[in-house]
Amino acid sequence: SRSYGSDKEQVIALANRFIQKTQDGGIIATAKHFP
Protein backbone atom coordinates (compact mmCIF):
# COMPACT_ATOMS: atom_id res chain seq x y z
CA SER A 1 0.00 0.00 0.00
CA ARG A 2 3.04 2.30 -0.10
CA SER A 3 2.59 2.78 -3.88
CA TYR A 4 0.09 5.10 -5.55
CA GLY A 5 -1.10 2.03 -7.46
CA SER A 6 -0.57 0.14 -10.68
CA ASP A 7 -1.35 2.91 -13.19
CA LYS A 8 2.06 4.27 -14.21
CA GLU A 9 0.83 7.72 -15.27
CA GLN A 10 -1.17 8.20 -12.05
CA VAL A 11 1.80 7.07 -9.94
CA ILE A 12 4.13 9.56 -11.66
CA ALA A 13 1.63 12.43 -11.46
CA LEU A 14 0.77 11.91 -7.78
CA ALA A 15 4.37 11.29 -6.75
CA ASN A 16 5.47 14.42 -8.59
CA ARG A 17 2.73 16.44 -6.89
CA PHE A 18 3.80 15.06 -3.51
CA ILE A 19 7.40 16.06 -4.25
CA GLN A 20 6.51 19.57 -5.38
CA LYS A 21 4.29 20.30 -2.38
CA THR A 22 6.77 18.76 0.05
CA GLN A 23 9.62 20.88 -1.29
CA ASP A 24 7.44 24.01 -1.57
CA GLY A 25 6.78 23.46 2.13
CA GLY A 26 10.49 23.51 3.00
CA ILE A 27 11.11 19.77 3.35
CA ILE A 28 13.45 17.83 1.02
CA ALA A 29 11.56 15.07 -0.80
CA THR A 30 13.09 11.76 -1.91
CA ALA A 31 11.74 9.69 -4.78
CA LYS A 32 12.32 5.99 -4.32
CA HIS A 33 13.23 3.16 -5.09
CA PHE A 34 15.46 3.75 -8.12
CA PRO A 35 15.71 2.02 -10.60
PDB file of all heavy atoms in Angstrom:
ATOM      1  N   SER A   1       0.812  -1.223   0.000  1.00  0.00           N
ATOM      2  CA  SER A   1       0.000   0.000   0.000  1.00  0.00           C
ATOM      3  C   SER A   1       0.843   1.270   0.000  1.00  0.00           C
ATOM      4  O   SER A   1       0.320   2.371   0.046  1.00  0.00           O
ATOM      5  CB  SER A   1      -0.914   0.010   1.222  1.00  0.00           C
ATOM      6  OG  SER A   1      -0.143   0.068   2.413  1.00  0.00           O
ATOM      7  N   ARG A   2       2.151   1.142  -0.095  1.00  0.00           N
ATOM      8  CA  ARG A   2       3.044   2.299  -0.104  1.00  0.00           C
ATOM      9  C   ARG A   2       3.132   2.941  -1.484  1.00  0.00           C
ATOM     10  O   ARG A   2       3.662   4.040  -1.631  1.00  0.00           O
ATOM     11  CB  ARG A   2       4.435   1.873   0.369  1.00  0.00           C
ATOM     12  CG  ARG A   2       4.429   1.353   1.797  1.00  0.00           C
ATOM     13  CD  ARG A   2       5.734   0.677   2.173  1.00  0.00           C
ATOM     14  NE  ARG A   2       6.874   1.548   1.920  1.00  0.00           N
ATOM     15  CZ  ARG A   2       8.111   1.100   1.693  1.00  0.00           C
ATOM     16  NH1 ARG A   2       8.364  -0.206   1.676  1.00  0.00           N
ATOM     17  NH2 ARG A   2       9.093   1.938   1.486  1.00  0.00           N
ATOM     18  N   SER A   3       2.602   2.272  -2.517  1.00  0.00           N
ATOM     19  CA  SER A   3       2.589   2.781  -3.881  1.00  0.00           C
ATOM     20  C   SER A   3       1.285   3.530  -4.138  1.00  0.00           C
ATOM     21  O   SER A   3       0.270   3.281  -3.492  1.00  0.00           O
ATOM     22  CB  SER A   3       2.695   1.610  -4.862  1.00  0.00           C
ATOM     23  OG  SER A   3       2.476   2.033  -6.190  1.00  0.00           O
ATOM     24  N   TYR A   4       1.324   4.428  -5.125  1.00  0.00           N
ATOM     25  CA  TYR A   4       0.094   5.100  -5.553  1.00  0.00           C
ATOM     26  C   TYR A   4      -0.768   4.184  -6.415  1.00  0.00           C
ATOM     27  O   TYR A   4      -1.853   4.563  -6.806  1.00  0.00           O
ATOM     28  CB  TYR A   4       0.420   6.378  -6.338  1.00  0.00           C
ATOM     29  CG  TYR A   4       0.936   7.486  -5.467  1.00  0.00           C
ATOM     30  CD1 TYR A   4       2.288   7.751  -5.372  1.00  0.00           C
ATOM     31  CD2 TYR A   4       0.069   8.274  -4.722  1.00  0.00           C
ATOM     32  CE1 TYR A   4       2.778   8.773  -4.576  1.00  0.00           C
ATOM     33  CE2 TYR A   4       0.532   9.297  -3.916  1.00  0.00           C
ATOM     34  CZ  TYR A   4       1.891   9.536  -3.851  1.00  0.00           C
ATOM     35  OH  TYR A   4       2.359  10.547  -3.053  1.00  0.00           O
ATOM     36  N   GLY A   5      -0.292   2.986  -6.715  1.00  0.00           N
ATOM     37  CA  GLY A   5      -1.104   2.034  -7.457  1.00  0.00           C
ATOM     38  C   GLY A   5      -0.357   1.397  -8.606  1.00  0.00           C
ATOM     39  O   GLY A   5       0.871   1.394  -8.655  1.00  0.00           O
ATOM     40  N   SER A   6      -1.126   0.882  -9.555  1.00  0.00           N
ATOM     41  CA  SER A   6      -0.566   0.143 -10.682  1.00  0.00           C
ATOM     42  C   SER A   6      -0.671   0.887 -12.003  1.00  0.00           C
ATOM     43  O   SER A   6      -0.237   0.388 -13.029  1.00  0.00           O
ATOM     44  CB  SER A   6      -1.276  -1.208 -10.807  1.00  0.00           C
ATOM     45  OG  SER A   6      -1.047  -1.957  -9.633  1.00  0.00           O
ATOM     46  N   ASP A   7      -1.255   2.094 -11.983  1.00  0.00           N
ATOM     47  CA  ASP A   7      -1.348   2.912 -13.186  1.00  0.00           C
ATOM     48  C   ASP A   7      -0.132   3.837 -13.227  1.00  0.00           C
ATOM     49  O   ASP A   7      -0.032   4.781 -12.441  1.00  0.00           O
ATOM     50  CB  ASP A   7      -2.648   3.720 -13.167  1.00  0.00           C
ATOM     51  CG  ASP A   7      -2.805   4.617 -14.376  1.00  0.00           C
ATOM     52  OD1 ASP A   7      -1.899   5.450 -14.630  1.00  0.00           O
ATOM     53  OD2 ASP A   7      -3.842   4.524 -15.050  1.00  0.00           O
ATOM     54  N   LYS A   8       0.778   3.555 -14.149  1.00  0.00           N
ATOM     55  CA  LYS A   8       2.060   4.273 -14.214  1.00  0.00           C
ATOM     56  C   LYS A   8       1.883   5.786 -14.264  1.00  0.00           C
ATOM     57  O   LYS A   8       2.559   6.521 -13.540  1.00  0.00           O
ATOM     58  CB  LYS A   8       2.852   3.789 -15.430  1.00  0.00           C
ATOM     59  CG  LYS A   8       4.152   4.504 -15.653  1.00  0.00           C
ATOM     60  CD  LYS A   8       4.848   3.994 -16.897  1.00  0.00           C
ATOM     61  CE  LYS A   8       6.084   4.812 -17.199  1.00  0.00           C
ATOM     62  NZ  LYS A   8       6.793   4.319 -18.379  1.00  0.00           N
ATOM     63  N   GLU A   9       1.003   6.268 -15.116  1.00  0.00           N
ATOM     64  CA  GLU A   9       0.830   7.721 -15.266  1.00  0.00           C
ATOM     65  C   GLU A   9       0.295   8.357 -13.989  1.00  0.00           C
ATOM     66  O   GLU A   9       0.722   9.446 -13.606  1.00  0.00           O
ATOM     67  CB  GLU A   9      -0.071   8.036 -16.468  1.00  0.00           C
ATOM     68  CG  GLU A   9       0.517   7.582 -17.797  1.00  0.00           C
ATOM     69  CD  GLU A   9       1.949   8.078 -18.050  1.00  0.00           C
ATOM     70  OE1 GLU A   9       2.239   9.254 -17.767  1.00  0.00           O
ATOM     71  OE2 GLU A   9       2.777   7.270 -18.514  1.00  0.00           O
ATOM     72  N   GLN A  10      -0.632   7.684 -13.314  1.00  0.00           N
ATOM     73  CA  GLN A  10      -1.165   8.205 -12.053  1.00  0.00           C
ATOM     74  C   GLN A  10      -0.084   8.206 -10.972  1.00  0.00           C
ATOM     75  O   GLN A  10       0.024   9.152 -10.202  1.00  0.00           O
ATOM     76  CB  GLN A  10      -2.371   7.386 -11.581  1.00  0.00           C
ATOM     77  CG  GLN A  10      -2.939   7.909 -10.273  1.00  0.00           C
ATOM     78  CD  GLN A  10      -4.166   7.144  -9.810  1.00  0.00           C
ATOM     79  OE1 GLN A  10      -4.682   6.272 -10.504  1.00  0.00           O
ATOM     80  NE2 GLN A  10      -4.639   7.472  -8.627  1.00  0.00           N
ATOM     81  N   VAL A  11       0.709   7.152 -10.925  1.00  0.00           N
ATOM     82  CA  VAL A  11       1.800   7.071  -9.944  1.00  0.00           C
ATOM     83  C   VAL A  11       2.768   8.235 -10.147  1.00  0.00           C
ATOM     84  O   VAL A  11       3.122   8.938  -9.191  1.00  0.00           O
ATOM     85  CB  VAL A  11       2.543   5.719 -10.041  1.00  0.00           C
ATOM     86  CG1 VAL A  11       3.826   5.750  -9.227  1.00  0.00           C
ATOM     87  CG2 VAL A  11       1.643   4.579  -9.585  1.00  0.00           C
ATOM     88  N   ILE A  12       3.181   8.473 -11.379  1.00  0.00           N
ATOM     89  CA  ILE A  12       4.128   9.558 -11.665  1.00  0.00           C
ATOM     90  C   ILE A  12       3.517  10.909 -11.312  1.00  0.00           C
ATOM     91  O   ILE A  12       4.164  11.736 -10.656  1.00  0.00           O
ATOM     92  CB  ILE A  12       4.579   9.514 -13.142  1.00  0.00           C
ATOM     93  CG1 ILE A  12       5.386   8.238 -13.405  1.00  0.00           C
ATOM     94  CG2 ILE A  12       5.377  10.766 -13.498  1.00  0.00           C
ATOM     95  CD1 ILE A  12       5.632   7.966 -14.889  1.00  0.00           C
ATOM     96  N   ALA A  13       2.277  11.138 -11.713  1.00  0.00           N
ATOM     97  CA  ALA A  13       1.632  12.432 -11.457  1.00  0.00           C
ATOM     98  C   ALA A  13       1.467  12.698  -9.957  1.00  0.00           C
ATOM     99  O   ALA A  13       1.774  13.795  -9.476  1.00  0.00           O
ATOM    100  CB  ALA A  13       0.273  12.483 -12.163  1.00  0.00           C
ATOM    101  N   LEU A  14       0.988  11.704  -9.213  1.00  0.00           N
ATOM    102  CA  LEU A  14       0.770  11.911  -7.776  1.00  0.00           C
ATOM    103  C   LEU A  14       2.079  11.992  -7.007  1.00  0.00           C
ATOM    104  O   LEU A  14       2.205  12.796  -6.076  1.00  0.00           O
ATOM    105  CB  LEU A  14      -0.141  10.821  -7.217  1.00  0.00           C
ATOM    106  CG  LEU A  14      -1.605  10.938  -7.648  1.00  0.00           C
ATOM    107  CD1 LEU A  14      -2.394   9.703  -7.207  1.00  0.00           C
ATOM    108  CD2 LEU A  14      -2.248  12.206  -7.115  1.00  0.00           C
ATOM    109  N   ALA A  15       3.063  11.197  -7.408  1.00  0.00           N
ATOM    110  CA  ALA A  15       4.375  11.286  -6.747  1.00  0.00           C
ATOM    111  C   ALA A  15       5.008  12.646  -7.015  1.00  0.00           C
ATOM    112  O   ALA A  15       5.571  13.274  -6.108  1.00  0.00           O
ATOM    113  CB  ALA A  15       5.283  10.161  -7.229  1.00  0.00           C
ATOM    114  N   ASN A  16       4.908  13.118  -8.242  1.00  0.00           N
ATOM    115  CA  ASN A  16       5.472  14.422  -8.586  1.00  0.00           C
ATOM    116  C   ASN A  16       4.777  15.542  -7.805  1.00  0.00           C
ATOM    117  O   ASN A  16       5.428  16.472  -7.316  1.00  0.00           O
ATOM    118  CB  ASN A  16       5.380  14.663 -10.091  1.00  0.00           C
ATOM    119  CG  ASN A  16       6.365  15.712 -10.564  1.00  0.00           C
ATOM    120  OD1 ASN A  16       7.418  15.910  -9.964  1.00  0.00           O
ATOM    121  ND2 ASN A  16       6.021  16.390 -11.640  1.00  0.00           N
ATOM    122  N   ARG A  17       3.472  15.449  -7.673  1.00  0.00           N
ATOM    123  CA  ARG A  17       2.726  16.443  -6.891  1.00  0.00           C
ATOM    124  C   ARG A  17       3.181  16.416  -5.428  1.00  0.00           C
ATOM    125  O   ARG A  17       3.376  17.455  -4.801  1.00  0.00           O
ATOM    126  CB  ARG A  17       1.220  16.154  -6.993  1.00  0.00           C
ATOM    127  CG  ARG A  17       0.329  17.108  -6.255  1.00  0.00           C
ATOM    128  CD  ARG A  17       0.377  18.496  -6.865  1.00  0.00           C
ATOM    129  NE  ARG A  17      -0.588  19.368  -6.221  1.00  0.00           N
ATOM    130  CZ  ARG A  17      -1.243  20.312  -6.848  1.00  0.00           C
ATOM    131  NH1 ARG A  17      -1.050  20.527  -8.142  1.00  0.00           N
ATOM    132  NH2 ARG A  17      -2.086  21.081  -6.196  1.00  0.00           N
ATOM    133  N   PHE A  18       3.328  15.221  -4.881  1.00  0.00           N
ATOM    134  CA  PHE A  18       3.803  15.059  -3.505  1.00  0.00           C
ATOM    135  C   PHE A  18       5.173  15.733  -3.348  1.00  0.00           C
ATOM    136  O   PHE A  18       5.417  16.460  -2.385  1.00  0.00           O
ATOM    137  CB  PHE A  18       3.897  13.566  -3.171  1.00  0.00           C
ATOM    138  CG  PHE A  18       4.233  13.263  -1.743  1.00  0.00           C
ATOM    139  CD1 PHE A  18       3.245  12.896  -0.844  1.00  0.00           C
ATOM    140  CD2 PHE A  18       5.547  13.317  -1.285  1.00  0.00           C
ATOM    141  CE1 PHE A  18       3.558  12.603   0.480  1.00  0.00           C
ATOM    142  CE2 PHE A  18       5.873  13.026   0.030  1.00  0.00           C
ATOM    143  CZ  PHE A  18       4.865  12.668   0.918  1.00  0.00           C
ATOM    144  N   ILE A  19       6.051  15.479  -4.292  1.00  0.00           N
ATOM    145  CA  ILE A  19       7.398  16.059  -4.253  1.00  0.00           C
ATOM    146  C   ILE A  19       7.331  17.580  -4.288  1.00  0.00           C
ATOM    147  O   ILE A  19       7.974  18.262  -3.474  1.00  0.00           O
ATOM    148  CB  ILE A  19       8.253  15.521  -5.422  1.00  0.00           C
ATOM    149  CG1 ILE A  19       8.571  14.040  -5.206  1.00  0.00           C
ATOM    150  CG2 ILE A  19       9.529  16.345  -5.611  1.00  0.00           C
ATOM    151  CD1 ILE A  19       9.041  13.309  -6.460  1.00  0.00           C
ATOM    152  N   GLN A  20       6.588  18.111  -5.238  1.00  0.00           N
ATOM    153  CA  GLN A  20       6.515  19.569  -5.381  1.00  0.00           C
ATOM    154  C   GLN A  20       5.968  20.232  -4.119  1.00  0.00           C
ATOM    155  O   GLN A  20       6.531  21.222  -3.636  1.00  0.00           O
ATOM    156  CB  GLN A  20       5.660  19.942  -6.602  1.00  0.00           C
ATOM    157  CG  GLN A  20       6.238  19.487  -7.922  1.00  0.00           C
ATOM    158  CD  GLN A  20       7.664  19.962  -8.150  1.00  0.00           C
ATOM    159  OE1 GLN A  20       7.976  21.126  -7.978  1.00  0.00           O
ATOM    160  NE2 GLN A  20       8.544  19.035  -8.521  1.00  0.00           N
ATOM    161  N   LYS A  21       4.896  19.699  -3.566  1.00  0.00           N
ATOM    162  CA  LYS A  21       4.285  20.301  -2.378  1.00  0.00           C
ATOM    163  C   LYS A  21       5.168  20.112  -1.140  1.00  0.00           C
ATOM    164  O   LYS A  21       5.227  20.979  -0.278  1.00  0.00           O
ATOM    165  CB  LYS A  21       2.884  19.733  -2.135  1.00  0.00           C
ATOM    166  CG  LYS A  21       1.880  20.148  -3.177  1.00  0.00           C
ATOM    167  CD  LYS A  21       1.724  21.657  -3.204  1.00  0.00           C
ATOM    168  CE  LYS A  21       0.724  22.110  -4.219  1.00  0.00           C
ATOM    169  NZ  LYS A  21       0.551  23.574  -4.236  1.00  0.00           N
ATOM    170  N   THR A  22       5.852  18.982  -1.063  1.00  0.00           N
ATOM    171  CA  THR A  22       6.771  18.758   0.053  1.00  0.00           C
ATOM    172  C   THR A  22       7.879  19.793   0.015  1.00  0.00           C
ATOM    173  O   THR A  22       8.180  20.451   1.018  1.00  0.00           O
ATOM    174  CB  THR A  22       7.359  17.331  -0.017  1.00  0.00           C
ATOM    175  OG1 THR A  22       6.299  16.380   0.144  1.00  0.00           O
ATOM    176  CG2 THR A  22       8.408  17.102   1.069  1.00  0.00           C
ATOM    177  N   GLN A  23       8.499  19.952  -1.152  1.00  0.00           N
ATOM    178  CA  GLN A  23       9.616  20.877  -1.287  1.00  0.00           C
ATOM    179  C   GLN A  23       9.169  22.324  -1.206  1.00  0.00           C
ATOM    180  O   GLN A  23       9.889  23.164  -0.642  1.00  0.00           O
ATOM    181  CB  GLN A  23      10.395  20.558  -2.565  1.00  0.00           C
ATOM    182  CG  GLN A  23      11.070  19.199  -2.464  1.00  0.00           C
ATOM    183  CD  GLN A  23      11.870  18.768  -3.668  1.00  0.00           C
ATOM    184  OE1 GLN A  23      12.551  17.769  -3.584  1.00  0.00           O
ATOM    185  NE2 GLN A  23      11.821  19.471  -4.785  1.00  0.00           N
ATOM    186  N   ASP A  24       7.977  22.654  -1.725  1.00  0.00           N
ATOM    187  CA  ASP A  24       7.437  24.012  -1.573  1.00  0.00           C
ATOM    188  C   ASP A  24       7.242  24.336  -0.092  1.00  0.00           C
ATOM    189  O   ASP A  24       7.321  25.494   0.310  1.00  0.00           O
ATOM    190  CB  ASP A  24       6.092  24.163  -2.297  1.00  0.00           C
ATOM    191  CG  ASP A  24       6.228  24.191  -3.815  1.00  0.00           C
ATOM    192  OD1 ASP A  24       7.365  24.312  -4.325  1.00  0.00           O
ATOM    193  OD2 ASP A  24       5.181  24.087  -4.493  1.00  0.00           O
ATOM    194  N   GLY A  25       6.995  23.295   0.706  1.00  0.00           N
ATOM    195  CA  GLY A  25       6.780  23.463   2.135  1.00  0.00           C
ATOM    196  C   GLY A  25       8.065  23.458   2.956  1.00  0.00           C
ATOM    197  O   GLY A  25       8.031  23.480   4.184  1.00  0.00           O
ATOM    198  N   GLY A  26       9.223  23.405   2.295  1.00  0.00           N
ATOM    199  CA  GLY A  26      10.485  23.509   2.996  1.00  0.00           C
ATOM    200  C   GLY A  26      11.089  22.204   3.476  1.00  0.00           C
ATOM    201  O   GLY A  26      12.025  22.205   4.279  1.00  0.00           O
ATOM    202  N   ILE A  27      10.578  21.088   3.001  1.00  0.00           N
ATOM    203  CA  ILE A  27      11.114  19.770   3.351  1.00  0.00           C
ATOM    204  C   ILE A  27      11.690  19.152   2.073  1.00  0.00           C
ATOM    205  O   ILE A  27      11.077  19.225   1.009  1.00  0.00           O
ATOM    206  CB  ILE A  27      10.006  18.841   3.915  1.00  0.00           C
ATOM    207  CG1 ILE A  27       9.337  19.432   5.146  1.00  0.00           C
ATOM    208  CG2 ILE A  27      10.551  17.436   4.172  1.00  0.00           C
ATOM    209  CD1 ILE A  27      10.156  19.404   6.409  1.00  0.00           C
ATOM    210  N   ILE A  28      12.861  18.529   2.173  1.00  0.00           N
ATOM    211  CA  ILE A  28      13.449  17.833   1.023  1.00  0.00           C
ATOM    212  C   ILE A  28      12.673  16.533   0.794  1.00  0.00           C
ATOM    213  O   ILE A  28      12.455  15.772   1.726  1.00  0.00           O
ATOM    214  CB  ILE A  28      14.928  17.503   1.292  1.00  0.00           C
ATOM    215  CG1 ILE A  28      15.729  18.782   1.505  1.00  0.00           C
ATOM    216  CG2 ILE A  28      15.519  16.660   0.152  1.00  0.00           C
ATOM    217  CD1 ILE A  28      17.109  18.549   2.097  1.00  0.00           C
ATOM    218  N   ALA A  29      12.261  16.315  -0.435  1.00  0.00           N
ATOM    219  CA  ALA A  29      11.564  15.071  -0.796  1.00  0.00           C
ATOM    220  C   ALA A  29      12.558  14.102  -1.428  1.00  0.00           C
ATOM    221  O   ALA A  29      13.568  14.514  -2.006  1.00  0.00           O
ATOM    222  CB  ALA A  29      10.434  15.352  -1.775  1.00  0.00           C
ATOM    223  N   THR A  30      12.250  12.813  -1.324  1.00  0.00           N
ATOM    224  CA  THR A  30      13.088  11.765  -1.911  1.00  0.00           C
ATOM    225  C   THR A  30      12.215  10.789  -2.683  1.00  0.00           C
ATOM    226  O   THR A  30      11.359  10.127  -2.107  1.00  0.00           O
ATOM    227  CB  THR A  30      13.828  10.979  -0.803  1.00  0.00           C
ATOM    228  OG1 THR A  30      14.616  11.884  -0.052  1.00  0.00           O
ATOM    229  CG2 THR A  30      14.704   9.898  -1.401  1.00  0.00           C
ATOM    230  N   ALA A  31      12.437  10.694  -3.980  1.00  0.00           N
ATOM    231  CA  ALA A  31      11.739   9.690  -4.785  1.00  0.00           C
ATOM    232  C   ALA A  31      12.468   8.363  -4.611  1.00  0.00           C
ATOM    233  O   ALA A  31      13.684   8.306  -4.555  1.00  0.00           O
ATOM    234  CB  ALA A  31      11.727  10.098  -6.246  1.00  0.00           C
ATOM    235  N   LYS A  32      11.717   7.302  -4.517  1.00  0.00           N
ATOM    236  CA  LYS A  32      12.316   5.985  -4.318  1.00  0.00           C
ATOM    237  C   LYS A  32      11.436   4.915  -4.943  1.00  0.00           C
ATOM    238  O   LYS A  32      10.247   5.152  -5.153  1.00  0.00           O
ATOM    239  CB  LYS A  32      12.543   5.706  -2.832  1.00  0.00           C
ATOM    240  CG  LYS A  32      11.280   5.720  -1.981  1.00  0.00           C
ATOM    241  CD  LYS A  32      11.623   5.583  -0.518  1.00  0.00           C
ATOM    242  CE  LYS A  32      10.367   5.443   0.292  1.00  0.00           C
ATOM    243  NZ  LYS A  32      10.626   5.415   1.696  1.00  0.00           N
ATOM    244  N   HIS A  33      11.962   3.801  -5.323  1.00  0.00           N
ATOM    245  CA  HIS A  33      13.233   3.156  -5.086  1.00  0.00           C
ATOM    246  C   HIS A  33      13.879   2.952  -6.444  1.00  0.00           C
ATOM    247  O   HIS A  33      13.532   2.018  -7.140  1.00  0.00           O
ATOM    248  CB  HIS A  33      13.047   1.821  -4.395  1.00  0.00           C
ATOM    249  CG  HIS A  33      12.306   1.888  -3.086  1.00  0.00           C
ATOM    250  ND1 HIS A  33      10.947   1.810  -2.977  1.00  0.00           N
ATOM    251  CD2 HIS A  33      12.773   2.062  -1.819  1.00  0.00           C
ATOM    252  CE1 HIS A  33      10.590   1.881  -1.692  1.00  0.00           C
ATOM    253  NE2 HIS A  33      11.682   2.047  -0.966  1.00  0.00           N
ATOM    254  N   PHE A  34      14.794   3.805  -6.828  1.00  0.00           N
ATOM    255  CA  PHE A  34      15.458   3.753  -8.121  1.00  0.00           C
ATOM    256  C   PHE A  34      16.347   2.516  -8.212  1.00  0.00           C
ATOM    257  O   PHE A  34      17.040   2.201  -7.263  1.00  0.00           O
ATOM    258  CB  PHE A  34      16.319   5.016  -8.310  1.00  0.00           C
ATOM    259  CG  PHE A  34      16.941   5.113  -9.659  1.00  0.00           C
ATOM    260  CD1 PHE A  34      16.239   5.664 -10.712  1.00  0.00           C
ATOM    261  CD2 PHE A  34      18.223   4.634  -9.881  1.00  0.00           C
ATOM    262  CE1 PHE A  34      16.810   5.737 -11.968  1.00  0.00           C
ATOM    263  CE2 PHE A  34      18.798   4.699 -11.137  1.00  0.00           C
ATOM    264  CZ  PHE A  34      18.091   5.255 -12.178  1.00  0.00           C
ATOM    265  N   PRO A  35      16.336   1.763  -9.295  1.00  0.00           N
ATOM    266  CA  PRO A  35      15.715   2.015 -10.599  1.00  0.00           C
ATOM    267  C   PRO A  35      14.304   1.439 -10.733  1.00  0.00           C
ATOM    268  O   PRO A  35      13.756   1.397 -11.810  1.00  0.00           O
ATOM    269  CB  PRO A  35      16.669   1.320 -11.560  1.00  0.00           C
ATOM    270  CG  PRO A  35      17.154   0.133 -10.800  1.00  0.00           C
ATOM    271  CD  PRO A  35      17.266   0.616  -9.364  1.00  0.00           C
TER     272      PRO A  35
END
